[in-house]
């Protein structure tokens, strides 16, 4: 079980530390707008996902309820992204206009 968990966590770490910054550099070379500002919603989803996975794999054992929790988290994230407005987090969204500017 330790090897499988190590491979799964290592792969996600590799994507976070190598593939995403490499994609930003490739986008700059192609004159396409791409930066590492993912927005508050995406950062919150990634943080919550990391916390859920950490609590699930901490003891190194698995059962049906832990699988259910992971699938429920996946469904929650899918429904969240399905129902957010298209301009959520942009400068012209009602949420951004209601917040005070710095």
PDB file of N, CA and C in Angstrom:
ATOM      1  N   UNK A   1       0.807  -1.215   0.000  1.00  0.00           N
ATOM      2  CA  UNK A   1       0.000   0.000   0.000  1.00  0.00           C
ATOM      3  C   UNK A   1       0.844   1.269   0.000  1.00  0.00           C
ATOM      4  N   UNK A   2       2.004   1.255   0.639  1.00  0.00           N
ATOM      5  CA  UNK A   2       2.841   2.445   0.707  1.00  0.00           C
ATOM      6  C   UNK A   2       3.372   2.860  -0.652  1.00  0.00           C
ATOM      7  N   UNK A   3       3.695   1.880  -1.509  1.00  0.00           N
ATOM      8  CA  UNK A   3       4.206   2.187  -2.838  1.00  0.00           C
ATOM      9  C   UNK A   3       3.132   2.834  -3.704  1.00  0.00           C
ATOM     10  N   UNK A   4       1.920   2.312  -3.658  1.00  0.00           N
ATOM     11  CA  UNK A   4       0.833   2.872  -4.467  1.00  0.00           C
ATOM     12  C   UNK A   4       0.504   4.295  -4.038  1.00  0.00           C
ATOM     13  N   UNK A   5       0.470   4.539  -2.741  1.00  0.00           N
ATOM     14  CA  UNK A   5       0.200   5.890  -2.244  1.00  0.00           C
ATOM     15  C   UNK A   5       1.331   6.831  -2.639  1.00  0.00           C
ATOM     16  N   UNK A   6       2.552   6.361  -2.550  1.00  0.00           N
ATOM     17  CA  UNK A   6       3.697   7.176  -2.937  1.00  0.00           C
ATOM     18  C   UNK A   6       3.672   7.551  -4.404  1.00  0.00           C
ATOM     19  N   UNK A   7       3.272   6.615  -5.259  1.00  0.00           N
ATOM     20  CA  UNK A   7       3.197   6.901  -6.689  1.00  0.00           C
ATOM     21  C   UNK A   7       2.088   7.921  -6.970  1.00  0.00           C
ATOM     22  N   UNK A   8       0.928   7.745  -6.338  1.00  0.00           N
ATOM     23  CA  UNK A   8      -0.184   8.669  -6.570  1.00  0.00           C
ATOM     24  C   UNK A   8       0.144  10.073  -6.090  1.00  0.00           C
ATOM     25  N   UNK A   9       0.686  10.193  -4.905  1.00  0.00           N
ATOM     26  CA  UNK A   9       1.023  11.513  -4.363  1.00  0.00           C
ATOM     27  C   UNK A   9       2.194  12.119  -5.128  1.00  0.00           C
ATOM     28  N   UNK A  10       3.151  11.292  -5.521  1.00  0.00           N
ATOM     29  CA  UNK A  10       4.290  11.782  -6.286  1.00  0.00           C
ATOM     30  C   UNK A  10       3.887  12.312  -7.656  1.00  0.00           C
ATOM     31  N   UNK A  11       2.941  11.649  -8.298  1.00  0.00           N
ATOM     32  CA  UNK A  11       2.478  12.109  -9.614  1.00  0.00           C
ATOM     33  C   UNK A  11       1.783  13.458  -9.513  1.00  0.00           C
ATOM     34  N   UNK A  12       0.940  13.632  -8.522  1.00  0.00           N
ATOM     35  CA  UNK A  12       0.260  14.928  -8.375  1.00  0.00           C
ATOM     36  C   UNK A  12       1.247  16.024  -7.999  1.00  0.00           C
ATOM     37  N   UNK A  13       2.244  15.703  -7.211  1.00  0.00           N
ATOM     38  CA  UNK A  13       3.274  16.684  -6.875  1.00  0.00           C
ATOM     39  C   UNK A  13       4.069  17.075  -8.112  1.00  0.00           C
ATOM     40  N   UNK A  14       4.370  16.088  -8.954  1.00  0.00           N
ATOM     41  CA  UNK A  14       5.097  16.369 -10.184  1.00  0.00           C
ATOM     42  C   UNK A  14       4.311  17.304 -11.095  1.00  0.00           C
ATOM     43  N   UNK A  15       3.017  17.092 -11.200  1.00  0.00           N
ATOM     44  CA  UNK A  15       2.189  17.978 -12.019  1.00  0.00           C
ATOM     45  C   UNK A  15       2.194  19.384 -11.440  1.00  0.00           C
ATOM     46  N   UNK A  16       2.046  19.489 -10.129  1.00  0.00           N
ATOM     47  CA  UNK A  16       1.976  20.804  -9.500  1.00  0.00           C
ATOM     48  C   UNK A  16       3.290  21.570  -9.621  1.00  0.00           C
ATOM     49  N   UNK A  17       4.403  20.877  -9.517  1.00  0.00           N
ATOM     50  CA  UNK A  17       5.688  21.567  -9.484  1.00  0.00           C
ATOM     51  C   UNK A  17       6.388  21.682 -10.827  1.00  0.00           C
ATOM     52  N   UNK A  18       6.011  20.860 -11.812  1.00  0.00           N
ATOM     53  CA  UNK A  18       6.726  20.880 -13.076  1.00  0.00           C
ATOM     54  C   UNK A  18       5.831  21.218 -14.263  1.00  0.00           C
ATOM     55  N   UNK A  19       4.732  20.521 -14.418  1.00  0.00           N
ATOM     56  CA  UNK A  19       3.927  20.660 -15.626  1.00  0.00           C
ATOM     57  C   UNK A  19       3.238  22.020 -15.694  1.00  0.00           C
ATOM     58  N   UNK A  20       2.681  22.491 -14.593  1.00  0.00           N
ATOM     59  CA  UNK A  20       1.964  23.771 -14.630  1.00  0.00           C
ATOM     60  C   UNK A  20       2.913  24.947 -14.901  1.00  0.00           C
ATOM     61  N   UNK A  21       4.055  25.090 -14.215  1.00  0.00           N
ATOM     62  CA  UNK A  21       4.969  26.181 -14.581  1.00  0.00           C
ATOM     63  C   UNK A  21       5.523  26.043 -16.003  1.00  0.00           C
ATOM     64  N   UNK A  22       5.741  24.806 -16.456  1.00  0.00           N
ATOM     65  CA  UNK A  22       6.194  24.601 -17.828  1.00  0.00           C
ATOM     66  C   UNK A  22       5.133  25.076 -18.827  1.00  0.00           C
ATOM     67  N   UNK A  23       3.870  24.831 -18.516  1.00  0.00           N
ATOM     68  CA  UNK A  23       2.781  25.291 -19.377  1.00  0.00           C
ATOM     69  C   UNK A  23       2.747  26.819 -19.449  1.00  0.00           C
ATOM     70  N   UNK A  24       3.031  27.486 -18.345  1.00  0.00           N
ATOM     71  CA  UNK A  24       3.074  28.948 -18.345  1.00  0.00           C
ATOM     72  C   UNK A  24       4.204  29.449 -19.252  1.00  0.00           C
ATOM     73  N   UNK A  25       5.359  28.817 -19.189  1.00  0.00           N
ATOM     74  CA  UNK A  25       6.479  29.226 -20.032  1.00  0.00           C
ATOM     75  C   UNK A  25       6.188  28.974 -21.509  1.00  0.00           C
ATOM     76  N   UNK A  26       5.561  27.850 -21.820  1.00  0.00           N
ATOM     77  CA  UNK A  26       5.198  27.560 -23.205  1.00  0.00           C
ATOM     78  C   UNK A  26       4.172  28.575 -23.704  1.00  0.00           C
ATOM     79  N   UNK A  27       3.219  28.933 -22.862  1.00  0.00           N
ATOM     80  CA  UNK A  27       2.211  29.923 -23.250  1.00  0.00           C
ATOM     81  C   UNK A  27       2.853  31.281 -23.515  1.00  0.00           C
ATOM     82  N   UNK A  28       3.835  31.656 -22.705  1.00  0.00           N
ATOM     83  CA  UNK A  28       4.536  32.928 -22.961  1.00  0.00           C
ATOM     84  C   UNK A  28       5.280  32.876 -24.281  1.00  0.00           C
ATOM     85  N   UNK A  29       5.899  31.749 -24.586  1.00  0.00           N
ATOM     86  CA  UNK A  29       6.619  31.615 -25.853  1.00  0.00           C
ATOM     87  C   UNK A  29       5.669  31.687 -27.039  1.00  0.00           C
ATOM     88  N   UNK A  30       4.421  31.252 -26.852  1.00  0.00           N
ATOM     89  CA  UNK A  30       3.425  31.268 -27.927  1.00  0.00           C
ATOM     90  C   UNK A  30       2.571  32.542 -27.901  1.00  0.00           C
ATOM     91  N   UNK A  31       2.910  33.513 -27.053  1.00  0.00           N
ATOM     92  CA  UNK A  31       2.160  34.767 -26.890  1.00  0.00           C
ATOM     93  C   UNK A  31       0.696  34.535 -26.536  1.00  0.00           C
ATOM     94  N   UNK A  32       0.451  33.595 -25.648  1.00  0.00           N
ATOM     95  CA  UNK A  32      -0.886  33.307 -25.143  1.00  0.00           C
ATOM     96  C   UNK A  32      -0.951  33.717 -23.675  1.00  0.00           C
ATOM     97  N   UNK A  33      -2.054  34.321 -23.239  1.00  0.00           N
ATOM     98  CA  UNK A  33      -2.140  34.753 -21.836  1.00  0.00           C
ATOM     99  C   UNK A  33      -2.380  33.562 -20.904  1.00  0.00           C
ATOM    100  N   UNK A  34      -1.429  33.282 -20.055  1.00  0.00           N
ATOM    101  CA  UNK A  34      -1.564  32.230 -19.048  1.00  0.00           C
ATOM    102  C   UNK A  34      -0.637  32.580 -17.901  1.00  0.00           C
ATOM    103  N   UNK A  35      -1.179  32.643 -16.707  1.00  0.00           N
ATOM    104  CA  UNK A  35      -0.350  32.909 -15.543  1.00  0.00           C
ATOM    105  C   UNK A  35      -0.712  31.916 -14.443  1.00  0.00           C
ATOM    106  N   UNK A  36      -0.090  32.072 -13.298  1.00  0.00           N
ATOM    107  CA  UNK A  36      -0.330  31.168 -12.183  1.00  0.00           C
ATOM    108  C   UNK A  36      -1.386  31.699 -11.218  1.00  0.00           C
ATOM    109  N   UNK A  37      -2.163  32.692 -11.644  1.00  0.00           N
ATOM    110  CA  UNK A  37      -3.255  33.217 -10.831  1.00  0.00           C
ATOM    111  C   UNK A  37      -4.514  32.410 -11.139  1.00  0.00           C
ATOM    112  N   UNK A  38      -4.762  31.385 -10.336  1.00  0.00           N
ATOM    113  CA  UNK A  38      -5.872  30.470 -10.596  1.00  0.00           C
ATOM    114  C   UNK A  38      -7.183  30.934  -9.977  1.00  0.00           C
ATOM    115  N   UNK A  39      -7.165  31.965  -9.178  1.00  0.00           N
ATOM    116  CA  UNK A  39      -8.391  32.468  -8.574  1.00  0.00           C
ATOM    117  C   UNK A  39      -8.677  31.790  -7.246  1.00  0.00           C
ATOM    118  N   UNK A  40      -9.547  32.416  -6.482  1.00  0.00           N
ATOM    119  CA  UNK A  40      -9.831  31.952  -5.127  1.00  0.00           C
ATOM    120  C   UNK A  40     -10.594  30.624  -5.126  1.00  0.00           C
ATOM    121  N   UNK A  41     -11.507  30.440  -6.069  1.00  0.00           N
ATOM    122  CA  UNK A  41     -12.288  29.201  -6.099  1.00  0.00           C
ATOM    123  C   UNK A  41     -11.410  28.000  -6.413  1.00  0.00           C
ATOM    124  N   UNK A  42     -10.573  28.107  -7.425  1.00  0.00           N
ATOM    125  CA  UNK A  42      -9.697  26.989  -7.781  1.00  0.00           C
ATOM    126  C   UNK A  42      -8.701  26.684  -6.662  1.00  0.00           C
ATOM    127  N   UNK A  43      -8.170  27.728  -6.036  1.00  0.00           N
ATOM    128  CA  UNK A  43      -7.238  27.506  -4.931  1.00  0.00           C
ATOM    129  C   UNK A  43      -7.939  26.834  -3.753  1.00  0.00           C
ATOM    130  N   UNK A  44      -9.175  27.230  -3.478  1.00  0.00           N
ATOM    131  CA  UNK A  44      -9.924  26.609  -2.378  1.00  0.00           C
ATOM    132  C   UNK A  44     -10.250  25.151  -2.684  1.00  0.00           C
ATOM    133  N   UNK A  45     -10.606  24.854  -3.933  1.00  0.00           N
ATOM    134  CA  UNK A  45     -10.910  23.467  -4.308  1.00  0.00           C
ATOM    135  C   UNK A  45      -9.669  22.588  -4.179  1.00  0.00           C
ATOM    136  N   UNK A  46      -8.533  23.085  -4.633  1.00  0.00           N
ATOM    137  CA  UNK A  46      -7.297  22.303  -4.524  1.00  0.00           C
ATOM    138  C   UNK A  46      -6.922  22.099  -3.057  1.00  0.00           C
ATOM    139  N   UNK A  47      -7.040  23.139  -2.246  1.00  0.00           N
ATOM    140  CA  UNK A  47      -6.711  23.025  -0.825  1.00  0.00           C
ATOM    141  C   UNK A  47      -7.631  22.025  -0.124  1.00  0.00           C
ATOM    142  N   UNK A  48      -8.927  22.127  -0.373  1.00  0.00           N
ATOM    143  CA  UNK A  48      -9.870  21.187   0.229  1.00  0.00           C
ATOM    144  C   UNK A  48      -9.612  19.758  -0.234  1.00  0.00           C
ATOM    145  N   UNK A  49      -9.289  19.583  -1.509  1.00  0.00           N
ATOM    146  CA  UNK A  49      -8.991  18.250  -2.025  1.00  0.00           C
ATOM    147  C   UNK A  49      -7.750  17.654  -1.359  1.00  0.00           C
ATOM    148  N   UNK A  50      -6.731  18.466  -1.193  1.00  0.00           N
ATOM    149  CA  UNK A  50      -5.513  17.992  -0.536  1.00  0.00           C
ATOM    150  C   UNK A  50      -5.806  17.579   0.898  1.00  0.00           C
ATOM    151  N   UNK A  51      -6.604  18.370   1.609  1.00  0.00           N
ATOM    152  CA  UNK A  51      -6.931  18.028   2.995  1.00  0.00           C
ATOM    153  C   UNK A  51      -7.746  16.735   3.090  1.00  0.00           C
ATOM    154  N   UNK A  52      -8.696  16.561   2.180  1.00  0.00           N
ATOM    155  CA  UNK A  52      -9.504  15.328   2.201  1.00  0.00           C
ATOM    156  C   UNK A  52      -8.635  14.119   1.894  1.00  0.00           C
ATOM    157  N   UNK A  53      -7.803  14.213   0.864  1.00  0.00           N
ATOM    158  CA  UNK A  53      -6.935  13.075   0.512  1.00  0.00           C
ATOM    159  C   UNK A  53      -5.943  12.796   1.633  1.00  0.00           C
ATOM    160  N   UNK A  54      -5.418  13.820   2.256  1.00  0.00           N
ATOM    161  CA  UNK A  54      -4.479  13.614   3.368  1.00  0.00           C
ATOM    162  C   UNK A  54      -5.142  12.857   4.512  1.00  0.00           C
ATOM    163  N   UNK A  55      -6.357  13.231   4.862  1.00  0.00           N
ATOM    164  CA  UNK A  55      -7.028  12.530   5.959  1.00  0.00           C
ATOM    165  C   UNK A  55      -7.407  11.108   5.569  1.00  0.00           C
ATOM    166  N   UNK A  56      -7.652  10.875   4.289  1.00  0.00           N
ATOM    167  CA  UNK A  56      -8.014   9.540   3.832  1.00  0.00           C
ATOM    168  C   UNK A  56      -6.807   8.604   3.859  1.00  0.00           C
ATOM    169  N   UNK A  57      -5.651   9.067   3.383  1.00  0.00           N
ATOM    170  CA  UNK A  57      -4.500   8.169   3.243  1.00  0.00           C
ATOM    171  C   UNK A  57      -3.562   8.182   4.451  1.00  0.00           C
ATOM    172  N   UNK A  58      -3.905   8.926   5.470  1.00  0.00           N
ATOM    173  CA  UNK A  58      -2.996   9.081   6.604  1.00  0.00           C
ATOM    174  C   UNK A  58      -2.691   7.759   7.298  1.00  0.00           C
ATOM    175  N   UNK A  59      -3.689   6.904   7.466  1.00  0.00           N
ATOM    176  CA  UNK A  59      -3.435   5.653   8.178  1.00  0.00           C
ATOM    177  C   UNK A  59      -2.997   4.504   7.273  1.00  0.00           C
ATOM    178  N   UNK A  60      -3.051   4.688   5.941  1.00  0.00           N
ATOM    179  CA  UNK A  60      -2.565   3.676   5.024  1.00  0.00           C
ATOM    180  C   UNK A  60      -3.524   2.523   4.778  1.00  0.00           C
ATOM    181  N   UNK A  61      -4.731   2.587   5.302  1.00  0.00           N
ATOM    182  CA  UNK A  61      -5.726   1.536   5.083  1.00  0.00           C
ATOM    183  C   UNK A  61      -6.914   2.120   4.339  1.00  0.00           C
ATOM    184  N   UNK A  62      -7.714   1.235   3.764  1.00  0.00           N
ATOM    185  CA  UNK A  62      -8.856   1.696   2.990  1.00  0.00           C
ATOM    186  C   UNK A  62     -10.086   0.859   3.324  1.00  0.00           C
ATOM    187  N   UNK A  63     -11.250   1.455   3.161  1.00  0.00           N
ATOM    188  CA  UNK A  63     -12.506   0.723   3.286  1.00  0.00           C
ATOM    189  C   UNK A  63     -13.537   1.396   2.384  1.00  0.00           C
ATOM    190  N   UNK A  64     -14.731   0.887   2.385  1.00  0.00           N
ATOM    191  CA  UNK A  64     -15.756   1.398   1.467  1.00  0.00           C
ATOM    192  C   UNK A  64     -16.142   2.839   1.790  1.00  0.00           C
ATOM    193  N   UNK A  65     -16.124   3.210   3.054  1.00  0.00           N
ATOM    194  CA  UNK A  65     -16.541   4.558   3.420  1.00  0.00           C
ATOM    195  C   UNK A  65     -15.544   5.607   2.937  1.00  0.00           C
ATOM    196  N   UNK A  66     -14.259   5.284   2.979  1.00  0.00           N
ATOM    197  CA  UNK A  66     -13.263   6.225   2.472  1.00  0.00           C
ATOM    198  C   UNK A  66     -13.406   6.405   0.965  1.00  0.00           C
ATOM    199  N   UNK A  67     -13.710   5.339   0.261  1.00  0.00           N
ATOM    200  CA  UNK A  67     -13.974   5.445  -1.172  1.00  0.00           C
ATOM    201  C   UNK A  67     -15.199   6.281  -1.444  1.00  0.00           C
ATOM    202  N   UNK A  68     -16.220   6.104  -0.617  1.00  0.00           N
ATOM    203  CA  UNK A  68     -17.437   6.907  -0.758  1.00  0.00           C
ATOM    204  C   UNK A  68     -17.141   8.388  -0.539  1.00  0.00           C
ATOM    205  N   UNK A  69     -16.321   8.700   0.435  1.00  0.00           N
ATOM    206  CA  UNK A  69     -15.969  10.091   0.706  1.00  0.00           C
ATOM    207  C   UNK A  69     -15.240  10.699  -0.490  1.00  0.00           C
ATOM    208  N   UNK A  70     -14.311   9.948  -1.081  1.00  0.00           N
ATOM    209  CA  UNK A  70     -13.587  10.464  -2.241  1.00  0.00           C
ATOM    210  C   UNK A  70     -14.524  10.677  -3.429  1.00  0.00           C
ATOM    211  N   UNK A  71     -15.443   9.746  -3.654  1.00  0.00           N
ATOM    212  CA  UNK A  71     -16.392   9.904  -4.767  1.00  0.00           C
ATOM    213  C   UNK A  71     -17.358  11.053  -4.507  1.00  0.00           C
ATOM    214  N   UNK A  72     -17.777  11.228  -3.252  1.00  0.00           N
ATOM    215  CA  UNK A  72     -18.659  12.355  -2.920  1.00  0.00           C
ATOM    216  C   UNK A  72     -17.928  13.680  -3.123  1.00  0.00           C
ATOM    217  N   UNK A  73     -16.671  13.734  -2.785  1.00  0.00           N
ATOM    218  CA  UNK A  73     -15.875  14.942  -3.005  1.00  0.00           C
ATOM    219  C   UNK A  73     -15.767  15.250  -4.498  1.00  0.00           C
ATOM    220  N   UNK A  74     -15.543  14.223  -5.298  1.00  0.00           N
ATOM    221  CA  UNK A  74     -15.462  14.386  -6.745  1.00  0.00           C
ATOM    222  C   UNK A  74     -16.789  14.914  -7.292  1.00  0.00           C
ATOM    223  N   UNK A  75     -17.901  14.341  -6.844  1.00  0.00           N
ATOM    224  CA  UNK A  75     -19.226  14.786  -7.303  1.00  0.00           C
ATOM    225  C   UNK A  75     -19.496  16.216  -6.852  1.00  0.00           C
ATOM    226  N   UNK A  76     -19.114  16.564  -5.635  1.00  0.00           N
ATOM    227  CA  UNK A  76     -19.306  17.914  -5.123  1.00  0.00           C
ATOM    228  C   UNK A  76     -18.554  18.940  -5.975  1.00  0.00           C
ATOM    229  N   UNK A  77     -17.320  18.631  -6.322  1.00  0.00           N
ATOM    230  CA  UNK A  77     -16.527  19.548  -7.136  1.00  0.00           C
ATOM    231  C   UNK A  77     -17.131  19.682  -8.535  1.00  0.00           C
ATOM    232  N   UNK A  78     -17.592  18.565  -9.097  1.00  0.00           N
ATOM    233  CA  UNK A  78     -18.209  18.617 -10.428  1.00  0.00           C
ATOM    234  C   UNK A  78     -19.465  19.478 -10.419  1.00  0.00           C
ATOM    235  N   UNK A  79     -20.312  19.313  -9.418  1.00  0.00           N
ATOM    236  CA  UNK A  79     -21.539  20.114  -9.328  1.00  0.00           C
ATOM    237  C   UNK A  79     -21.192  21.582  -9.063  1.00  0.00           C
ATOM    238  N   UNK A  80     -20.186  21.826  -8.260  1.00  0.00           N
ATOM    239  CA  UNK A  80     -19.761  23.199  -7.983  1.00  0.00           C
ATOM    240  C   UNK A  80     -19.368  23.918  -9.261  1.00  0.00           C
ATOM    241  N   UNK A  81     -18.532  23.281 -10.074  1.00  0.00           N
ATOM    242  CA  UNK A  81     -18.090  23.917 -11.311  1.00  0.00           C
ATOM    243  C   UNK A  81     -19.199  23.977 -12.354  1.00  0.00           C
ATOM    244  N   UNK A  82     -20.175  23.097 -12.266  1.00  0.00           N
ATOM    245  CA  UNK A  82     -21.271  23.125 -13.225  1.00  0.00           C
ATOM    246  C   UNK A  82     -22.192  24.322 -12.971  1.00  0.00           C
ATOM    247  N   UNK A  83     -22.330  24.742 -11.717  1.00  0.00           N
ATOM    248  CA  UNK A  83     -23.294  25.791 -11.379  1.00  0.00           C
ATOM    249  C   UNK A  83     -22.702  27.161 -11.107  1.00  0.00           C
ATOM    250  N   UNK A  84     -21.407  27.338 -11.170  1.00  0.00           N
ATOM    251  CA  UNK A  84     -20.874  28.690 -10.979  1.00  0.00           C
ATOM    252  C   UNK A  84     -21.112  29.504 -12.242  1.00  0.00           C
ATOM    253  N   UNK A  85     -21.335  30.815 -12.108  1.00  0.00           N
ATOM    254  CA  UNK A  85     -21.546  31.644 -13.302  1.00  0.00           C
ATOM    255  C   UNK A  85     -20.261  31.739 -14.132  1.00  0.00           C
ATOM    256  N   UNK A  86     -20.396  31.970 -15.433  1.00  0.00           N
ATOM    257  CA  UNK A  86     -19.214  32.000 -16.307  1.00  0.00           C
ATOM    258  C   UNK A  86     -18.205  33.090 -15.951  1.00  0.00           C
ATOM    259  N   UNK A  87     -18.661  34.214 -15.428  1.00  0.00           N
ATOM    260  CA  UNK A  87     -17.733  35.311 -15.128  1.00  0.00           C
ATOM    261  C   UNK A  87     -17.373  35.369 -13.648  1.00  0.00           C
ATOM    262  N   UNK A  88     -17.489  34.266 -12.929  1.00  0.00           N
ATOM    263  CA  UNK A  88     -17.179  34.252 -11.496  1.00  0.00           C
ATOM    264  C   UNK A  88     -15.709  34.583 -11.287  1.00  0.00           C
ATOM    265  N   UNK A  89     -15.447  35.584 -10.459  1.00  0.00           N
ATOM    266  CA  UNK A  89     -14.089  35.968 -10.133  1.00  0.00           C
ATOM    267  C   UNK A  89     -13.479  36.997 -11.063  1.00  0.00           C
ATOM    268  N   UNK A  90     -14.151  37.320 -12.168  1.00  0.00           N
ATOM    269  CA  UNK A  90     -13.611  38.328 -13.063  1.00  0.00           C
ATOM    270  C   UNK A  90     -13.950  39.721 -12.532  1.00  0.00           C
ATOM    271  N   UNK A  91     -13.361  40.726 -13.126  1.00  0.00           N
ATOM    272  CA  UNK A  91     -13.535  42.095 -12.653  1.00  0.00           C
ATOM    273  C   UNK A  91     -14.966  42.598 -12.808  1.00  0.00           C
ATOM    274  N   UNK A  92     -15.714  42.076 -13.797  1.00  0.00           N
ATOM    275  CA  UNK A  92     -17.062  42.575 -14.037  1.00  0.00           C
ATOM    276  C   UNK A  92     -18.150  41.733 -13.388  1.00  0.00           C
ATOM    277  N   UNK A  93     -17.768  40.785 -12.531  1.00  0.00           N
ATOM    278  CA  UNK A  93     -18.792  39.967 -11.873  1.00  0.00           C
ATOM    279  C   UNK A  93     -19.418  40.742 -10.713  1.00  0.00           C
ATOM    280  N   UNK A  94     -20.681  40.469 -10.390  1.00  0.00           N
ATOM    281  CA  UNK A  94     -21.334  41.175  -9.281  1.00  0.00           C
ATOM    282  C   UNK A  94     -20.635  40.961  -7.947  1.00  0.00           C
ATOM    283  N   UNK A  95     -20.034  39.783  -7.752  1.00  0.00           N
ATOM    284  CA  UNK A  95     -19.341  39.510  -6.493  1.00  0.00           C
ATOM    285  C   UNK A  95     -18.131  40.409  -6.366  1.00  0.00           C
ATOM    286  N   UNK A  96     -17.359  40.573  -7.443  1.00  0.00           N
ATOM    287  CA  UNK A  96     -16.169  41.419  -7.411  1.00  0.00           C
ATOM    288  C   UNK A  96     -16.540  42.884  -7.246  1.00  0.00           C
ATOM    289  N   UNK A  97     -17.663  43.308  -7.825  1.00  0.00           N
ATOM    290  CA  UNK A  97     -18.066  44.703  -7.716  1.00  0.00           C
ATOM    291  C   UNK A  97     -18.555  45.037  -6.303  1.00  0.00           C
ATOM    292  N   UNK A  98     -19.073  44.043  -5.583  1.00  0.00           N
ATOM    293  CA  UNK A  98     -19.560  44.289  -4.231  1.00  0.00           C
ATOM    294  C   UNK A  98     -18.423  44.375  -3.226  1.00  0.00           C
ATOM    295  N   UNK A  99     -17.278  43.761  -3.532  1.00  0.00           N
ATOM    296  CA  UNK A  99     -16.153  43.781  -2.612  1.00  0.00           C
ATOM    297  C   UNK A  99     -15.411  45.110  -2.705  1.00  0.00           C
ATOM    298  N   UNK A 100     -14.923  45.616  -1.575  1.00  0.00           N
ATOM    299  CA  UNK A 100     -14.172  46.876  -1.635  1.00  0.00           C
ATOM    300  C   UNK A 100     -12.814  46.647  -2.306  1.00  0.00           C
ATOM    301  N   UNK A 101     -12.371  47.613  -3.099  1.00  0.00           N
ATOM    302  CA  UNK A 101     -11.068  47.493  -3.751  1.00  0.00           C
ATOM    303  C   UNK A 101      -9.997  48.002  -2.805  1.00  0.00           C
ATOM    304  N   UNK A 102      -8.766  47.560  -3.037  1.00  0.00           N
ATOM    305  CA  UNK A 102      -7.681  47.963  -2.145  1.00  0.00           C
ATOM    306  C   UNK A 102      -7.209  49.338  -2.489  1.00  0.00           C
TER     307      UNK A 102
END
